[in-house]
Amino acid sequence: MSDFKKLQKKVRTLQSRAGTAKMELHDLAEDLPVNWTEIKVVAKKTFDAIAELDAAKRELSASENSS
């Protein structure tokens, strides 16, 4: 598998992970003030997932532009 295809697969995987984390944060927000102590943990998980996705998208874009 080419590096480009691997990056595409990585981005798809990270999109799924980020979407799941976003929904978990959304669900937590809807249920507030229940489980309010989980805000920092869930927000950090969501932040990290989206940051990793953003980095992978930038890497994929750079790979596309260099071809």
C-alpha atoms as a PDB file:
ATOM      1  CA  MET A   1       0.000   0.000   0.000  1.00  0.00           C
ATOM      2  CA  SER A   2       1.373   3.427  -0.927  1.00  0.00           C
ATOM      3  CA  ASP A   3       2.122   6.066   1.677  1.00  0.00           C
ATOM      4  CA  PHE A   4      -0.667   8.214   0.239  1.00  0.00           C
ATOM      5  CA  LYS A   5      -3.214   5.399   0.631  1.00  0.00           C
ATOM      6  CA  LYS A   6      -1.990   4.778   4.184  1.00  0.00           C
ATOM      7  CA  LEU A   7      -2.492   8.456   5.002  1.00  0.00           C
ATOM      8  CA  GLN A   8      -5.996   8.377   3.538  1.00  0.00           C
ATOM      9  CA  LYS A   9      -6.840   5.353   5.665  1.00  0.00           C
ATOM     10  CA  LYS A  10      -5.368   7.039   8.746  1.00  0.00           C
ATOM     11  CA  VAL A  11      -7.469  10.158   8.126  1.00  0.00           C
ATOM     12  CA  ARG A  12     -10.649   8.084   7.757  1.00  0.00           C
ATOM     13  CA  THR A  13      -9.898   6.246  11.000  1.00  0.00           C
ATOM     14  CA  LEU A  14      -9.178   9.482  12.832  1.00  0.00           C
ATOM     15  CA  GLN A  15     -12.353  11.083  11.436  1.00  0.00           C
ATOM     16  CA  SER A  16     -14.344   8.254  12.937  1.00  0.00           C
ATOM     17  CA  ARG A  17     -12.576   8.551  16.277  1.00  0.00           C
ATOM     18  CA  ALA A  18     -13.023  12.336  16.352  1.00  0.00           C
ATOM     19  CA  GLY A  19     -16.702  12.016  15.453  1.00  0.00           C
ATOM     20  CA  THR A  20     -17.259   9.543  18.268  1.00  0.00           C
ATOM     21  CA  ALA A  21     -15.469  11.798  20.756  1.00  0.00           C
ATOM     22  CA  LYS A  22     -17.481  14.811  19.570  1.00  0.00           C
ATOM     23  CA  MET A  23     -20.742  12.956  20.095  1.00  0.00           C
ATOM     24  CA  GLU A  24     -19.638  11.830  23.557  1.00  0.00           C
ATOM     25  CA  LEU A  25     -18.933  15.464  24.467  1.00  0.00           C
ATOM     26  CA  HIS A  26     -22.259  16.535  22.971  1.00  0.00           C
ATOM     27  CA  ASP A  27     -24.145  13.878  24.935  1.00  0.00           C
ATOM     28  CA  LEU A  28     -22.386  14.914  28.126  1.00  0.00           C
ATOM     29  CA  ALA A  29     -23.327  18.548  27.527  1.00  0.00           C
ATOM     30  CA  GLU A  30     -26.965  17.655  26.953  1.00  0.00           C
ATOM     31  CA  ASP A  31     -27.130  15.816  30.281  1.00  0.00           C
ATOM     32  CA  LEU A  32     -25.535  18.550  32.396  1.00  0.00           C
ATOM     33  CA  PRO A  33     -25.388  18.953  35.324  1.00  0.00           C
ATOM     34  CA  VAL A  34     -25.345  15.150  35.551  1.00  0.00           C
ATOM     35  CA  ASN A  35     -21.757  13.845  35.312  1.00  0.00           C
ATOM     36  CA  TRP A  36     -20.339  17.352  35.273  1.00  0.00           C
ATOM     37  CA  THR A  37     -17.120  16.018  36.799  1.00  0.00           C
ATOM     38  CA  GLU A  38     -16.392  14.236  33.508  1.00  0.00           C
ATOM     39  CA  ILE A  39     -16.238  17.450  31.466  1.00  0.00           C
ATOM     40  CA  LYS A  40     -12.458  17.829  31.561  1.00  0.00           C
ATOM     41  CA  VAL A  41     -11.773  14.189  30.701  1.00  0.00           C
ATOM     42  CA  VAL A  42     -14.216  14.052  27.802  1.00  0.00           C
ATOM     43  CA  ALA A  43     -13.182  17.477  26.495  1.00  0.00           C
ATOM     44  CA  LYS A  44      -9.490  16.476  26.574  1.00  0.00           C
ATOM     45  CA  LYS A  45     -10.258  13.250  24.722  1.00  0.00           C
ATOM     46  CA  THR A  46     -12.199  15.206  22.094  1.00  0.00           C
ATOM     47  CA  PHE A  47      -9.503  17.872  21.797  1.00  0.00           C
ATOM     48  CA  ASP A  48      -6.779  15.258  21.340  1.00  0.00           C
ATOM     49  CA  ALA A  49      -8.761  13.329  18.725  1.00  0.00           C
ATOM     50  CA  ILE A  50      -9.473  16.447  16.679  1.00  0.00           C
ATOM     51  CA  ALA A  51      -5.891  17.686  16.987  1.00  0.00           C
ATOM     52  CA  GLU A  52      -4.593  14.334  15.732  1.00  0.00           C
ATOM     53  CA  LEU A  53      -7.099  14.418  12.856  1.00  0.00           C
ATOM     54  CA  ASP A  54      -6.040  17.949  11.938  1.00  0.00           C
ATOM     55  CA  ALA A  55      -2.370  16.944  11.855  1.00  0.00           C
ATOM     56  CA  ALA A  56      -3.138  13.925   9.671  1.00  0.00           C
ATOM     57  CA  LYS A  57      -5.206  16.048   7.275  1.00  0.00           C
ATOM     58  CA  ARG A  58      -2.330  18.526   6.972  1.00  0.00           C
ATOM     59  CA  GLU A  59       0.068  15.662   6.294  1.00  0.00           C
ATOM     60  CA  LEU A  60      -2.273  14.255   3.649  1.00  0.00           C
ATOM     61  CA  SER A  61      -2.651  17.661   2.027  1.00  0.00           C
ATOM     62  CA  ALA A  62       1.109  18.156   1.935  1.00  0.00           C
ATOM     63  CA  SER A  63       1.488  14.719   0.385  1.00  0.00           C
ATOM     64  CA  GLU A  64      -1.080  15.568  -2.288  1.00  0.00           C
ATOM     65  CA  ASN A  65       0.596  18.877  -3.073  1.00  0.00           C
ATOM     66  CA  SER A  66       4.054  17.340  -3.365  1.00  0.00           C
ATOM     67  CA  SER A  67       2.917  14.815  -5.964  1.00  0.00           C
END
